[in-house]
């Protein structure tokens, strides 16, 4: 379901709608009791009332301000305290796309105009032309969030972003020694393997096998076919790079040669 907001761009006000740009296709499993095969219940019991499982409509959010003392906040109250400023997606600045490390991006949404087609199209065309991301702030749910807005083909994408203090630094930096000859071969291998990104080539093969396993078990076939993936040969780094480069050289030789185009006759 699309949610409504508005983008503040200088003195320009652009009403918009946004909805999730991604979906979770993972197969979900229930937790069962191995002995009887029955589903285990979520631990949403209330010992004080003697209820094994509290109904979802009877669950509220509470903040513990002292030990075992809570103040309850209703969902409507979260919305009531939001001002128009909180609901507005206020653009703070624009930065080049290349300046943002992808680690900062979190969740993606599609943005649509909500009665503001011309202003919306103008913003999309401007950021696309400049190759920039609009950095903005707003309140999504119960949290003030930094977001990035960028153009993508025929859409504007809103992406929530992690704050700097939410990004954990790496615990260990690479300490290996770089051999210049091996580096040269690695760069050459990367160049040989470089292609235009085509997301349609990448399928969730494990999920397909998982679905097949579930179907087989429903139909009564309890046998599991083991994977027959090949093993890697233990080569040293230089030999592995050399073998990889040779593999790509052999692959190019096997590809059919392109027929040369006919030359146009030049007039005397």
C-alpha atoms as a PDB file:
ATOM      1  CA  UNK A   1       0.000   0.000   0.000  1.00  0.00           C
ATOM      2  CA  UNK A   2       1.354   3.397  -0.993  1.00  0.00           C
ATOM      3  CA  UNK A   3       2.012   5.944   1.774  1.00  0.00           C
ATOM      4  CA  UNK A   4       1.833   9.699   1.303  1.00  0.00           C
ATOM      5  CA  UNK A   5       4.455  12.366   1.991  1.00  0.00           C
ATOM      6  CA  UNK A   6       5.833  15.519   0.390  1.00  0.00           C
ATOM      7  CA  UNK A   7       9.300  16.469  -0.846  1.00  0.00           C
ATOM      8  CA  UNK A   8      10.558  19.926   0.137  1.00  0.00           C
ATOM      9  CA  UNK A   9      13.014  21.157  -2.501  1.00  0.00           C
ATOM     10  CA  UNK A  10      14.042  24.744  -1.670  1.00  0.00           C
ATOM     11  CA  UNK A  11      10.712  26.595  -1.897  1.00  0.00           C
ATOM     12  CA  UNK A  12       9.234  23.828  -4.078  1.00  0.00           C
ATOM     13  CA  UNK A  13       6.682  21.494  -2.437  1.00  0.00           C
ATOM     14  CA  UNK A  14       6.105  18.166  -4.206  1.00  0.00           C
ATOM     15  CA  UNK A  15       3.370  15.841  -2.869  1.00  0.00           C
ATOM     16  CA  UNK A  16       4.402  12.212  -3.407  1.00  0.00           C
ATOM     17  CA  UNK A  17       3.452   8.623  -2.666  1.00  0.00           C
ATOM     18  CA  UNK A  18       5.932   5.839  -1.948  1.00  0.00           C
ATOM     19  CA  UNK A  19       5.829   2.052  -1.752  1.00  0.00           C
ATOM     20  CA  UNK A  20       8.320  -0.789  -1.289  1.00  0.00           C
ATOM     21  CA  UNK A  21      10.611  -1.326  -4.262  1.00  0.00           C
ATOM     22  CA  UNK A  22      11.707  -4.818  -3.182  1.00  0.00           C
ATOM     23  CA  UNK A  23      10.018  -7.959  -1.926  1.00  0.00           C
ATOM     24  CA  UNK A  24      11.120 -10.907   0.179  1.00  0.00           C
ATOM     25  CA  UNK A  25      10.868 -14.173  -1.782  1.00  0.00           C
ATOM     26  CA  UNK A  26      12.445 -16.373   0.901  1.00  0.00           C
ATOM     27  CA  UNK A  27      10.626 -19.594   1.782  1.00  0.00           C
ATOM     28  CA  UNK A  28       9.360 -19.471   5.371  1.00  0.00           C
ATOM     29  CA  UNK A  29       9.399 -22.431   7.731  1.00  0.00           C
ATOM     30  CA  UNK A  30       7.388 -23.024  10.909  1.00  0.00           C
ATOM     31  CA  UNK A  31       9.001 -24.400  14.041  1.00  0.00           C
ATOM     32  CA  UNK A  32       7.577 -27.855  14.821  1.00  0.00           C
ATOM     33  CA  UNK A  33       7.844 -30.246  17.743  1.00  0.00           C
ATOM     34  CA  UNK A  34       9.954 -33.106  16.370  1.00  0.00           C
ATOM     35  CA  UNK A  35       8.130 -35.699  18.471  1.00  0.00           C
ATOM     36  CA  UNK A  36       4.545 -34.939  17.364  1.00  0.00           C
ATOM     37  CA  UNK A  37       5.057 -32.745  14.283  1.00  0.00           C
ATOM     38  CA  UNK A  38       2.815 -29.956  15.589  1.00  0.00           C
ATOM     39  CA  UNK A  39       3.598 -26.270  15.179  1.00  0.00           C
ATOM     40  CA  UNK A  40       5.155 -24.499  18.141  1.00  0.00           C
ATOM     41  CA  UNK A  41       3.481 -21.237  19.198  1.00  0.00           C
ATOM     42  CA  UNK A  42       5.277 -17.907  19.352  1.00  0.00           C
ATOM     43  CA  UNK A  43       6.182 -16.939  22.889  1.00  0.00           C
ATOM     44  CA  UNK A  44       3.537 -14.203  23.266  1.00  0.00           C
ATOM     45  CA  UNK A  45       2.124 -15.479  26.529  1.00  0.00           C
ATOM     46  CA  UNK A  46       1.073 -13.262  29.471  1.00  0.00           C
ATOM     47  CA  UNK A  47       1.864 -15.045  32.765  1.00  0.00           C
ATOM     48  CA  UNK A  48       0.074 -12.307  34.764  1.00  0.00           C
ATOM     49  CA  UNK A  49      -3.232 -13.027  32.994  1.00  0.00           C
ATOM     50  CA  UNK A  50      -2.627 -16.735  32.475  1.00  0.00           C
ATOM     51  CA  UNK A  51      -2.939 -16.360  28.674  1.00  0.00           C
ATOM     52  CA  UNK A  52      -0.797 -18.664  26.544  1.00  0.00           C
ATOM     53  CA  UNK A  53      -0.937 -16.474  23.411  1.00  0.00           C
ATOM     54  CA  UNK A  54      -2.074 -12.851  23.364  1.00  0.00           C
ATOM     55  CA  UNK A  55      -4.045 -11.783  20.259  1.00  0.00           C
ATOM     56  CA  UNK A  56      -2.188  -9.347  17.956  1.00  0.00           C
ATOM     57  CA  UNK A  57      -4.817  -6.614  18.483  1.00  0.00           C
ATOM     58  CA  UNK A  58      -4.141  -6.749  22.241  1.00  0.00           C
ATOM     59  CA  UNK A  59      -0.392  -6.115  21.884  1.00  0.00           C
ATOM     60  CA  UNK A  60       0.793  -2.519  22.370  1.00  0.00           C
ATOM     61  CA  UNK A  61       4.151  -0.736  22.493  1.00  0.00           C
ATOM     62  CA  UNK A  62       5.541   0.172  25.887  1.00  0.00           C
ATOM     63  CA  UNK A  63       8.602   2.102  27.060  1.00  0.00           C
ATOM     64  CA  UNK A  64      10.241   0.882  30.290  1.00  0.00           C
ATOM     65  CA  UNK A  65      11.099   4.063  32.216  1.00  0.00           C
ATOM     66  CA  UNK A  66      11.815   2.184  35.482  1.00  0.00           C
ATOM     67  CA  UNK A  67      12.336  -1.452  36.347  1.00  0.00           C
ATOM     68  CA  UNK A  68       9.088  -3.248  35.370  1.00  0.00           C
ATOM     69  CA  UNK A  69       7.269   0.084  34.865  1.00  0.00           C
ATOM     70  CA  UNK A  70       6.064   0.939  31.385  1.00  0.00           C
ATOM     71  CA  UNK A  71       4.316   3.801  29.628  1.00  0.00           C
ATOM     72  CA  UNK A  72       2.098   2.696  26.736  1.00  0.00           C
ATOM     73  CA  UNK A  73       2.165   4.528  23.403  1.00  0.00           C
ATOM     74  CA  UNK A  74      -0.651   3.789  20.934  1.00  0.00           C
ATOM     75  CA  UNK A  75       0.068   3.660  17.193  1.00  0.00           C
ATOM     76  CA  UNK A  76      -2.199   6.660  16.587  1.00  0.00           C
ATOM     77  CA  UNK A  77      -0.230   8.691  19.142  1.00  0.00           C
ATOM     78  CA  UNK A  78       2.989   8.211  17.164  1.00  0.00           C
ATOM     79  CA  UNK A  79       1.267   9.840  14.190  1.00  0.00           C
ATOM     80  CA  UNK A  80      -0.419  12.563  16.268  1.00  0.00           C
ATOM     81  CA  UNK A  81       2.880  14.023  17.490  1.00  0.00           C
ATOM     82  CA  UNK A  82       4.232  14.318  13.956  1.00  0.00           C
ATOM     83  CA  UNK A  83       4.136  17.860  12.594  1.00  0.00           C
ATOM     84  CA  UNK A  84       3.970  18.604   8.874  1.00  0.00           C
ATOM     85  CA  UNK A  85       7.723  19.218   9.092  1.00  0.00           C
ATOM     86  CA  UNK A  86       8.235  15.676  10.423  1.00  0.00           C
ATOM     87  CA  UNK A  87       6.154  14.212   7.606  1.00  0.00           C
ATOM     88  CA  UNK A  88       7.906  16.284   4.939  1.00  0.00           C
ATOM     89  CA  UNK A  89      10.925  14.831   3.145  1.00  0.00           C
ATOM     90  CA  UNK A  90      13.169  17.880   3.407  1.00  0.00           C
ATOM     91  CA  UNK A  91      16.089  17.860   0.962  1.00  0.00           C
ATOM     92  CA  UNK A  92      19.182  19.118   2.783  1.00  0.00           C
ATOM     93  CA  UNK A  93      21.750  18.886  -0.020  1.00  0.00           C
ATOM     94  CA  UNK A  94      22.788  17.102  -3.215  1.00  0.00           C
ATOM     95  CA  UNK A  95      25.869  14.889  -3.580  1.00  0.00           C
ATOM     96  CA  UNK A  96      27.371  12.877  -6.424  1.00  0.00           C
ATOM     97  CA  UNK A  97      26.244   9.241  -6.516  1.00  0.00           C
ATOM     98  CA  UNK A  98      29.872   8.057  -6.540  1.00  0.00           C
ATOM     99  CA  UNK A  99      30.516   9.754  -3.172  1.00  0.00           C
ATOM    100  CA  UNK A 100      28.145   7.467  -1.241  1.00  0.00           C
ATOM    101  CA  UNK A 101      29.446   4.083  -0.157  1.00  0.00           C
ATOM    102  CA  UNK A 102      26.655   1.510  -0.818  1.00  0.00           C
ATOM    103  CA  UNK A 103      27.023   0.314   2.797  1.00  0.00           C
ATOM    104  CA  UNK A 104      24.971   3.360   3.839  1.00  0.00           C
ATOM    105  CA  UNK A 105      21.893   2.308   1.818  1.00  0.00           C
ATOM    106  CA  UNK A 106      19.227   0.327   3.635  1.00  0.00           C
ATOM    107  CA  UNK A 107      15.674  -0.088   2.270  1.00  0.00           C
ATOM    108  CA  UNK A 108      14.382   1.040  -1.143  1.00  0.00           C
ATOM    109  CA  UNK A 109      11.026   2.571  -2.101  1.00  0.00           C
ATOM    110  CA  UNK A 110       9.523   3.776  -5.371  1.00  0.00           C
ATOM    111  CA  UNK A 111       8.393   7.391  -5.391  1.00  0.00           C
ATOM    112  CA  UNK A 112       5.365   8.524  -7.397  1.00  0.00           C
ATOM    113  CA  UNK A 113       3.824  11.965  -7.929  1.00  0.00           C
ATOM    114  CA  UNK A 114       0.623  12.640  -6.007  1.00  0.00           C
ATOM    115  CA  UNK A 115      -0.942  15.417  -8.079  1.00  0.00           C
ATOM    116  CA  UNK A 116       2.433  17.050  -8.800  1.00  0.00           C
ATOM    117  CA  UNK A 117       3.470  15.502 -12.095  1.00  0.00           C
ATOM    118  CA  UNK A 118       5.368  18.485 -13.535  1.00  0.00           C
ATOM    119  CA  UNK A 119       7.378  19.273 -10.378  1.00  0.00           C
ATOM    120  CA  UNK A 120       8.078  15.563  -9.843  1.00  0.00           C
ATOM    121  CA  UNK A 121       9.299  15.110 -13.431  1.00  0.00           C
ATOM    122  CA  UNK A 122      11.463  18.215 -13.098  1.00  0.00           C
ATOM    123  CA  UNK A 123      13.199  16.929  -9.948  1.00  0.00           C
ATOM    124  CA  UNK A 124      13.799  13.517 -11.545  1.00  0.00           C
ATOM    125  CA  UNK A 125      15.236  15.056 -14.720  1.00  0.00           C
ATOM    126  CA  UNK A 126      17.487  17.421 -12.749  1.00  0.00           C
ATOM    127  CA  UNK A 127      19.089  14.788 -10.470  1.00  0.00           C
ATOM    128  CA  UNK A 128      19.424  12.405 -13.429  1.00  0.00           C
ATOM    129  CA  UNK A 129      21.147  15.059 -15.534  1.00  0.00           C
ATOM    130  CA  UNK A 130      23.509  15.956 -12.680  1.00  0.00           C
ATOM    131  CA  UNK A 131      24.197  12.343 -11.624  1.00  0.00           C
ATOM    132  CA  UNK A 132      23.429  13.260  -8.032  1.00  0.00           C
ATOM    133  CA  UNK A 133      21.516  12.000  -5.012  1.00  0.00           C
ATOM    134  CA  UNK A 134      19.258  14.253  -2.960  1.00  0.00           C
ATOM    135  CA  UNK A 135      20.002  13.816   0.752  1.00  0.00           C
ATOM    136  CA  UNK A 136      16.953  14.444   2.911  1.00  0.00           C
ATOM    137  CA  UNK A 137      15.516  13.849   6.375  1.00  0.00           C
ATOM    138  CA  UNK A 138      12.059  12.724   7.464  1.00  0.00           C
ATOM    139  CA  UNK A 139      10.305  10.636  10.112  1.00  0.00           C
ATOM    140  CA  UNK A 140       9.375   7.144   8.919  1.00  0.00           C
ATOM    141  CA  UNK A 141       7.437   5.121  11.488  1.00  0.00           C
ATOM    142  CA  UNK A 142       8.880   6.148  14.858  1.00  0.00           C
ATOM    143  CA  UNK A 143      12.373   7.060  13.716  1.00  0.00           C
ATOM    144  CA  UNK A 144      13.899  10.158  12.140  1.00  0.00           C
ATOM    145  CA  UNK A 145      15.670   8.866   9.066  1.00  0.00           C
ATOM    146  CA  UNK A 146      18.240  10.120   6.582  1.00  0.00           C
ATOM    147  CA  UNK A 147      17.266   9.189   3.047  1.00  0.00           C
ATOM    148  CA  UNK A 148      18.691   9.446  -0.445  1.00  0.00           C
ATOM    149  CA  UNK A 149      16.577  10.166  -3.526  1.00  0.00           C
ATOM    150  CA  UNK A 150      18.003   9.259  -6.924  1.00  0.00           C
ATOM    151  CA  UNK A 151      16.751   8.734 -10.471  1.00  0.00           C
ATOM    152  CA  UNK A 152      16.618   5.276 -12.025  1.00  0.00           C
ATOM    153  CA  UNK A 153      15.416   4.920 -15.630  1.00  0.00           C
ATOM    154  CA  UNK A 154      11.685   5.720 -15.391  1.00  0.00           C
ATOM    155  CA  UNK A 155      11.444   6.094 -11.608  1.00  0.00           C
ATOM    156  CA  UNK A 156      12.622   8.009  -8.577  1.00  0.00           C
ATOM    157  CA  UNK A 157      14.029   5.785  -5.842  1.00  0.00           C
ATOM    158  CA  UNK A 158      13.878   6.709  -2.164  1.00  0.00           C
ATOM    159  CA  UNK A 159      16.417   4.796  -0.079  1.00  0.00           C
ATOM    160  CA  UNK A 160      16.626   4.939   3.693  1.00  0.00           C
ATOM    161  CA  UNK A 161      20.203   5.325   4.885  1.00  0.00           C
ATOM    162  CA  UNK A 162      22.106   4.252   7.964  1.00  0.00           C
ATOM    163  CA  UNK A 163      23.549   6.948  10.193  1.00  0.00           C
ATOM    164  CA  UNK A 164      27.343   7.060  10.486  1.00  0.00           C
ATOM    165  CA  UNK A 165      27.229   5.728  14.074  1.00  0.00           C
ATOM    166  CA  UNK A 166      25.212   2.714  12.820  1.00  0.00           C
ATOM    167  CA  UNK A 167      28.009   1.595  10.500  1.00  0.00           C
ATOM    168  CA  UNK A 168      30.403  -0.740  12.274  1.00  0.00           C
ATOM    169  CA  UNK A 169      34.070  -0.299  11.317  1.00  0.00           C
ATOM    170  CA  UNK A 170      35.919  -3.414  10.114  1.00  0.00           C
ATOM    171  CA  UNK A 171      37.719  -5.204  12.922  1.00  0.00           C
ATOM    172  CA  UNK A 172      40.687  -6.173  10.771  1.00  0.00           C
ATOM    173  CA  UNK A 173      42.439  -4.575   7.821  1.00  0.00           C
ATOM    174  CA  UNK A 174      44.177  -6.589   5.037  1.00  0.00           C
ATOM    175  CA  UNK A 175      47.826  -7.250   5.921  1.00  0.00           C
ATOM    176  CA  UNK A 176      48.986  -9.352   2.980  1.00  0.00           C
ATOM    177  CA  UNK A 177      51.931  -8.392   0.791  1.00  0.00           C
ATOM    178  CA  UNK A 178      51.209  -7.439  -2.813  1.00  0.00           C
ATOM    179  CA  UNK A 179      53.374  -9.007  -5.507  1.00  0.00           C
ATOM    180  CA  UNK A 180      53.470  -6.573  -8.500  1.00  0.00           C
ATOM    181  CA  UNK A 181      53.349  -9.412 -11.048  1.00  0.00           C
ATOM    182  CA  UNK A 182      50.395 -11.055  -9.312  1.00  0.00           C
ATOM    183  CA  UNK A 183      48.636  -7.677  -9.094  1.00  0.00           C
ATOM    184  CA  UNK A 184      49.091  -7.207 -12.842  1.00  0.00           C
ATOM    185  CA  UNK A 185      47.599 -10.658 -13.514  1.00  0.00           C
ATOM    186  CA  UNK A 186      44.708 -10.005 -11.106  1.00  0.00           C
ATOM    187  CA  UNK A 187      43.878  -6.725 -12.870  1.00  0.00           C
ATOM    188  CA  UNK A 188      44.030  -8.468 -16.251  1.00  0.00           C
ATOM    189  CA  UNK A 189      41.724 -11.227 -14.969  1.00  0.00           C
ATOM    190  CA  UNK A 190      39.251  -8.618 -13.668  1.00  0.00           C
ATOM    191  CA  UNK A 191      39.276  -6.908 -17.069  1.00  0.00           C
ATOM    192  CA  UNK A 192      38.652 -10.232 -18.835  1.00  0.00           C
ATOM    193  CA  UNK A 193      35.737 -10.951 -16.484  1.00  0.00           C
ATOM    194  CA  UNK A 194      34.198  -7.467 -16.755  1.00  0.00           C
ATOM    195  CA  UNK A 195      30.764  -7.376 -18.415  1.00  0.00           C
ATOM    196  CA  UNK A 196      27.733  -5.142 -18.407  1.00  0.00           C
ATOM    197  CA  UNK A 197      25.597  -5.891 -15.339  1.00  0.00           C
ATOM    198  CA  UNK A 198      22.543  -7.976 -16.241  1.00  0.00           C
ATOM    199  CA  UNK A 199      20.471  -8.840 -13.128  1.00  0.00           C
ATOM    200  CA  UNK A 200      18.320 -11.297 -15.116  1.00  0.00           C
ATOM    201  CA  UNK A 201      21.300 -13.697 -15.241  1.00  0.00           C
ATOM    202  CA  UNK A 202      21.279 -14.188 -11.475  1.00  0.00           C
ATOM    203  CA  UNK A 203      18.716 -16.634 -10.143  1.00  0.00           C
ATOM    204  CA  UNK A 204      18.223 -17.981  -6.644  1.00  0.00           C
ATOM    205  CA  UNK A 205      19.242 -21.531  -7.558  1.00  0.00           C
ATOM    206  CA  UNK A 206      19.284 -22.708  -3.945  1.00  0.00           C
ATOM    207  CA  UNK A 207      15.658 -21.596  -3.466  1.00  0.00           C
ATOM    208  CA  UNK A 208      14.678 -23.467  -6.642  1.00  0.00           C
ATOM    209  CA  UNK A 209      16.272 -26.634  -5.257  1.00  0.00           C
ATOM    210  CA  UNK A 210      14.551 -26.006  -1.920  1.00  0.00           C
ATOM    211  CA  UNK A 211      11.153 -25.743  -3.638  1.00  0.00           C
ATOM    212  CA  UNK A 212      11.853 -28.985  -5.513  1.00  0.00           C
ATOM    213  CA  UNK A 213      12.792 -30.695  -2.233  1.00  0.00           C
ATOM    214  CA  UNK A 214       9.531 -29.518  -0.618  1.00  0.00           C
ATOM    215  CA  UNK A 215       7.500 -30.751  -3.623  1.00  0.00           C
ATOM    216  CA  UNK A 216       9.251 -34.154  -3.541  1.00  0.00           C
ATOM    217  CA  UNK A 217       8.546 -34.534   0.169  1.00  0.00           C
ATOM    218  CA  UNK A 218       4.875 -33.579  -0.267  1.00  0.00           C
ATOM    219  CA  UNK A 219       4.645 -36.272  -2.951  1.00  0.00           C
ATOM    220  CA  UNK A 220       6.288 -38.813  -0.640  1.00  0.00           C
ATOM    221  CA  UNK A 221       9.839 -38.905  -2.026  1.00  0.00           C
ATOM    222  CA  UNK A 222      12.132 -38.737   1.031  1.00  0.00           C
ATOM    223  CA  UNK A 223      15.436 -39.171  -0.849  1.00  0.00           C
ATOM    224  CA  UNK A 224      17.828 -36.241  -1.108  1.00  0.00           C
ATOM    225  CA  UNK A 225      20.179 -35.950  -4.080  1.00  0.00           C
ATOM    226  CA  UNK A 226      23.562 -34.678  -2.952  1.00  0.00           C
ATOM    227  CA  UNK A 227      25.093 -31.753  -4.802  1.00  0.00           C
ATOM    228  CA  UNK A 228      27.799 -32.718  -7.285  1.00  0.00           C
ATOM    229  CA  UNK A 229      29.691 -29.432  -7.350  1.00  0.00           C
ATOM    230  CA  UNK A 230      33.325 -29.822  -8.361  1.00  0.00           C
ATOM    231  CA  UNK A 231      36.190 -29.261  -5.942  1.00  0.00           C
ATOM    232  CA  UNK A 232      38.800 -26.557  -6.317  1.00  0.00           C
ATOM    233  CA  UNK A 233      42.386 -27.574  -6.940  1.00  0.00           C
ATOM    234  CA  UNK A 234      44.804 -26.275  -4.329  1.00  0.00           C
ATOM    235  CA  UNK A 235      47.018 -23.959  -6.398  1.00  0.00           C
ATOM    236  CA  UNK A 236      49.276 -21.207  -5.200  1.00  0.00           C
ATOM    237  CA  UNK A 237      48.145 -17.658  -5.957  1.00  0.00           C
ATOM    238  CA  UNK A 238      50.332 -17.081  -9.011  1.00  0.00           C
ATOM    239  CA  UNK A 239      49.438 -20.443 -10.589  1.00  0.00           C
ATOM    240  CA  UNK A 240      45.722 -19.872  -9.888  1.00  0.00           C
ATOM    241  CA  UNK A 241      45.842 -16.463 -11.599  1.00  0.00           C
ATOM    242  CA  UNK A 242      47.756 -17.848 -14.562  1.00  0.00           C
ATOM    243  CA  UNK A 243      45.343 -20.793 -14.944  1.00  0.00           C
ATOM    244  CA  UNK A 244      42.354 -18.426 -14.757  1.00  0.00           C
ATOM    245  CA  UNK A 245      43.792 -16.155 -17.456  1.00  0.00           C
ATOM    246  CA  UNK A 246      44.540 -19.177 -19.651  1.00  0.00           C
ATOM    247  CA  UNK A 247      40.948 -20.373 -19.193  1.00  0.00           C
ATOM    248  CA  UNK A 248      39.604 -17.077 -20.521  1.00  0.00           C
ATOM    249  CA  UNK A 249      42.127 -17.147 -23.401  1.00  0.00           C
ATOM    250  CA  UNK A 250      40.965 -20.663 -24.366  1.00  0.00           C
ATOM    251  CA  UNK A 251      37.346 -19.524 -24.141  1.00  0.00           C
ATOM    252  CA  UNK A 252      37.980 -16.706 -26.608  1.00  0.00           C
ATOM    253  CA  UNK A 253      39.633 -19.136 -29.044  1.00  0.00           C
ATOM    254  CA  UNK A 254      36.539 -21.399 -28.988  1.00  0.00           C
ATOM    255  CA  UNK A 255      34.202 -18.498 -29.775  1.00  0.00           C
ATOM    256  CA  UNK A 256      33.401 -18.277 -33.530  1.00  0.00           C
ATOM    257  CA  UNK A 257      35.312 -15.536 -35.251  1.00  0.00           C
ATOM    258  CA  UNK A 258      33.278 -12.635 -36.556  1.00  0.00           C
ATOM    259  CA  UNK A 259      33.126 -12.398 -40.310  1.00  0.00           C
ATOM    260  CA  UNK A 260      34.835  -9.260 -41.570  1.00  0.00           C
ATOM    261  CA  UNK A 261      32.476  -6.771 -43.159  1.00  0.00           C
ATOM    262  CA  UNK A 262      32.805  -6.070 -46.850  1.00  0.00           C
ATOM    263  CA  UNK A 263      34.702  -2.968 -47.724  1.00  0.00           C
ATOM    264  CA  UNK A 264      32.890  -0.426 -49.769  1.00  0.00           C
ATOM    265  CA  UNK A 265      34.402   0.115 -53.206  1.00  0.00           C
ATOM    266  CA  UNK A 266      35.971   3.472 -53.582  1.00  0.00           C
ATOM    267  CA  UNK A 267      35.133   5.349 -56.691  1.00  0.00           C
ATOM    268  CA  UNK A 268      38.052   6.096 -58.971  1.00  0.00           C
END
